[in-house]
Protein backbone atom coordinates (compact mmCIF):
# COMPACT_ATOMS: atom_id res chain seq x y z
CA MET A 1 20.94 10.80 14.94
CA PHE A 2 18.15 13.91 14.25
CA GLU A 3 17.36 10.87 11.60
CA ASN A 4 16.88 8.19 13.87
CA PHE A 5 15.30 10.12 16.58
CA ILE A 6 12.45 11.57 13.92
CA GLN A 7 12.12 7.72 12.29
CA VAL A 8 11.80 5.96 16.31
CA TYR A 9 9.76 8.62 17.85
CA GLY A 10 8.33 10.68 15.05
CA TYR A 11 5.03 9.35 14.64
CA TYR A 12 4.33 8.64 18.24
CA ALA A 13 5.39 13.24 18.54
CA VAL A 14 2.90 13.66 15.99
CA PHE A 15 -0.47 11.59 17.43
CA ALA A 16 0.65 13.58 20.78
CA PHE A 17 0.78 16.59 18.95
CA ALA A 18 -2.72 15.70 17.11
CA CYS A 19 -4.01 15.27 20.15
CA ILE A 20 -3.82 18.47 21.35
CA GLU A 21 -4.21 21.57 19.13
CA GLY A 22 -1.13 20.30 16.22
CA GLU A 23 -1.23 22.20 13.72
CA ILE A 24 2.42 23.03 13.71
CA ALA A 25 3.38 19.75 14.55
CA VAL A 26 1.74 17.68 12.07
CA LEU A 27 3.18 21.06 9.52
CA THR A 28 6.44 19.92 10.09
CA ALA A 29 5.62 16.08 9.95
CA GLY A 30 4.28 16.65 6.49
CA PHE A 31 7.81 18.90 6.07
CA LEU A 32 10.03 15.93 7.04
CA CYS A 33 8.45 13.30 5.01
CA ARG A 34 9.00 15.50 1.63
CA GLN A 35 12.53 14.64 2.81
CA GLY A 36 11.96 11.63 3.26
CA TYR A 37 12.60 11.34 7.08
CA MET A 38 8.90 9.76 7.69
CA SER A 39 6.31 7.94 5.68
CA LEU A 40 3.65 10.68 3.98
CA TYR A 41 0.32 8.20 4.64
CA GLY A 42 1.77 6.92 8.38
CA VAL A 43 1.91 10.42 9.20
CA MET A 44 -1.25 10.88 7.81
CA LEU A 45 -2.90 7.98 9.88
CA ALA A 46 -1.04 9.35 13.60
CA ALA A 47 -2.25 12.52 13.06
CA PHE A 48 -5.82 11.08 11.99
CA LEU A 49 -6.01 9.09 15.37
CA GLY A 50 -4.60 11.85 17.55
CA THR A 51 -7.26 13.91 16.65
CA LEU A 52 -10.24 11.49 16.58
CA ILE A 53 -9.10 9.96 19.68
CA THR A 54 -9.02 12.78 21.58
CA GLU A 55 -12.16 14.61 19.70
CA GLN A 56 -14.60 11.64 20.13
CA CYS A 57 -12.89 10.94 24.07
CA LEU A 58 -13.76 14.83 24.96
CA PHE A 59 -17.61 14.36 23.36
CA PHE A 60 -17.94 12.02 25.92
CA VAL A 61 -16.32 13.98 28.69
CA GLY A 62 -18.97 16.87 27.75
CA ARG A 63 -21.71 14.29 27.21
CA THR A 64 -21.24 12.70 31.01
CA TYR A 65 -19.49 15.65 32.76
CA GLY A 66 -19.60 19.20 31.37
CA GLY A 67 -22.21 20.98 33.88
CA LYS A 68 -19.37 20.03 36.03
CA LEU A 69 -16.88 21.39 34.43
CA LEU A 70 -18.15 24.50 33.69
CA ASP A 71 -18.79 25.21 36.50
CA LYS A 72 -15.59 24.24 37.69
CA TYR A 73 -13.88 26.24 35.07
CA PRO A 74 -14.94 29.99 34.99
CA LYS A 75 -12.51 30.49 31.74
CA LEU A 76 -13.92 26.87 29.99
CA SER A 77 -17.72 28.54 30.37
CA GLU A 78 -16.75 31.54 28.54
CA LYS A 79 -15.44 30.09 25.33
CA SER A 80 -18.62 27.57 25.39
CA ALA A 81 -21.43 30.22 24.87
CA THR A 82 -19.54 31.13 21.46
CA VAL A 83 -19.63 27.27 20.88
CA ILE A 84 -23.07 27.04 21.41
CA GLU A 85 -24.18 30.34 19.53
CA PHE A 86 -22.54 28.61 16.35
CA LEU A 87 -23.53 25.37 16.74
CA GLN A 88 -26.91 26.82 17.47
CA LYS A 89 -26.94 28.46 14.08
CA TYR A 90 -24.62 26.06 12.33
CA ASP A 91 -25.90 22.86 13.25
CA SER A 92 -24.02 19.71 11.80
CA ALA A 93 -21.30 22.16 9.54
CA PHE A 94 -20.24 23.65 13.06
CA ILE A 95 -20.17 20.15 14.42
CA PHE A 96 -18.17 19.38 11.33
CA GLY A 97 -15.90 22.10 10.76
CA SER A 98 -14.67 23.03 14.23
CA ARG A 99 -11.55 21.42 13.90
CA PHE A 100 -10.45 23.76 11.78
CA VAL A 101 -11.30 26.85 13.82
CA TYR A 102 -8.61 28.11 15.76
CA GLY A 103 -9.32 28.45 19.73
CA ILE A 104 -12.24 26.45 20.06
CA ARG A 105 -11.07 23.30 18.50
CA ASN A 106 -10.28 21.29 21.70
CA ILE A 107 -13.83 22.84 23.97
CA SER A 108 -15.85 22.29 20.71
CA PRO A 109 -16.29 18.45 21.06
CA LEU A 110 -16.96 19.14 25.00
CA ILE A 111 -20.15 21.61 24.47
CA ILE A 112 -21.51 19.80 21.41
CA GLY A 113 -21.43 16.62 23.62
CA MET A 114 -23.27 18.19 26.46
CA ALA A 115 -25.46 20.01 23.93
CA LYS A 116 -27.05 16.28 23.88
CA ILE A 117 -26.32 15.84 20.37
CA THR A 118 -26.52 11.81 19.56
CA PRO A 119 -23.15 10.34 19.43
CA MET A 120 -23.79 8.52 15.75
CA LYS A 121 -24.37 11.96 14.62
CA PHE A 122 -21.49 13.64 16.21
CA SER A 123 -19.28 10.82 14.97
CA SER A 124 -20.41 10.58 11.68
CA LEU A 125 -19.27 14.04 11.26
CA ASN A 126 -16.04 13.89 13.07
CA VAL A 127 -14.76 10.87 11.66
CA PRO A 128 -14.46 12.38 8.05
CA ALA A 129 -13.31 15.74 9.47
CA ALA A 130 -10.14 14.22 10.94
CA LEU A 131 -10.03 12.62 7.85
CA ILE A 132 -9.55 15.59 5.81
CA TRP A 133 -7.74 17.70 9.09
CA SER A 134 -5.17 14.56 9.04
CA ILE A 135 -5.03 14.47 5.02
CA VAL A 136 -4.74 18.51 4.60
CA VAL A 137 -2.55 19.83 6.95
CA THR A 138 -0.05 17.09 6.50
CA GLY A 139 -0.26 17.59 3.03
CA ALA A 140 0.41 20.88 3.11
CA GLY A 141 3.78 20.56 4.92
CA TYR A 142 4.92 18.20 1.87
CA LEU A 143 4.19 20.76 -0.86
CA PHE A 144 5.34 23.27 1.29
CA ALA A 145 8.48 21.55 1.66
CA ASN A 146 8.39 20.54 -2.57
CA VAL A 147 7.76 23.93 -3.15
CA LEU A 148 11.04 24.67 -1.19
CA GLU A 149 12.63 22.46 -3.05
CA SER A 150 11.58 23.74 -6.14
CA ALA A 151 13.41 26.78 -4.78
CA LYS A 152 16.30 24.78 -4.48
CA CYS A 153 16.44 26.67 -0.95
CA ASP A 154 18.72 25.10 1.70
CA LEU A 155 16.89 22.47 3.22
CA LYS A 156 18.44 21.76 6.45
CA PHE A 157 18.21 24.84 7.17
CA ILE A 158 14.86 24.83 6.76
CA GLN A 159 14.28 21.72 8.78
CA ILE A 160 16.51 23.18 11.62
CA GLY A 161 13.67 26.11 11.17
CA ALA A 162 11.24 23.82 11.56
CA LEU A 163 12.15 22.28 14.62
CA VAL A 164 12.66 25.41 16.33
CA VAL A 165 9.51 26.64 15.44
CA LEU A 166 7.97 23.23 16.71
CA GLY A 167 9.95 23.81 19.94
CA VAL A 168 8.52 27.35 20.54
CA ALA A 169 5.21 26.39 19.24
CA LEU A 170 5.34 23.45 22.58
CA LEU A 171 6.60 25.94 24.93
CA TYR A 172 4.08 28.38 24.21
CA PHE A 173 1.48 25.89 24.90
CA PHE A 174 3.22 25.22 28.12
CA TYR A 175 3.56 28.66 29.22
CA ARG A 176 -0.34 29.07 28.61
CA LYS A 177 -1.02 26.30 30.31
CA ALA A 178 0.92 27.39 33.04
CA ILE A 179 -0.34 30.99 33.26
CA SER A 180 -3.97 29.57 32.62
CA LYS A 181 -4.18 27.27 36.37
CA LYS A 182 -3.11 30.51 37.91
């Protein structure tokens, strides 16, 4: 049952979680690749597409509606100051590396779009960054499973643990979203 579920819905889940700060899901999927439940390249592709499409869309939303969003969501405005400071200081390096910084990953493309960075410049930095992110995060999960296998750990126990961690992360995400709406 677990194997069928992962094989049928796993790639969709990786794509969906990559759209929202999905490092844990992509790491878990990389781990499951080592166990033979999913294709390593399929997970990398799903993660790449999920994160790339989301960040490109957020960039254009920021470019089009950025000021209105900051007016409507004061917490967004608070975080934007940090992003603008880094963008002014590091420009292209920040655009490339912002997806690797926890806490500002999802807000960065919005603010970068508001900063009137050209779509060509953003895309030329975002596409390779998304590719590297998907390879590195998926690969880290795969290598972690390899290390555990080499250490002769009981991988069924580890798989269950990884799914529990993923479930807790998902609950925390929804809890955090619910609190921020209050």
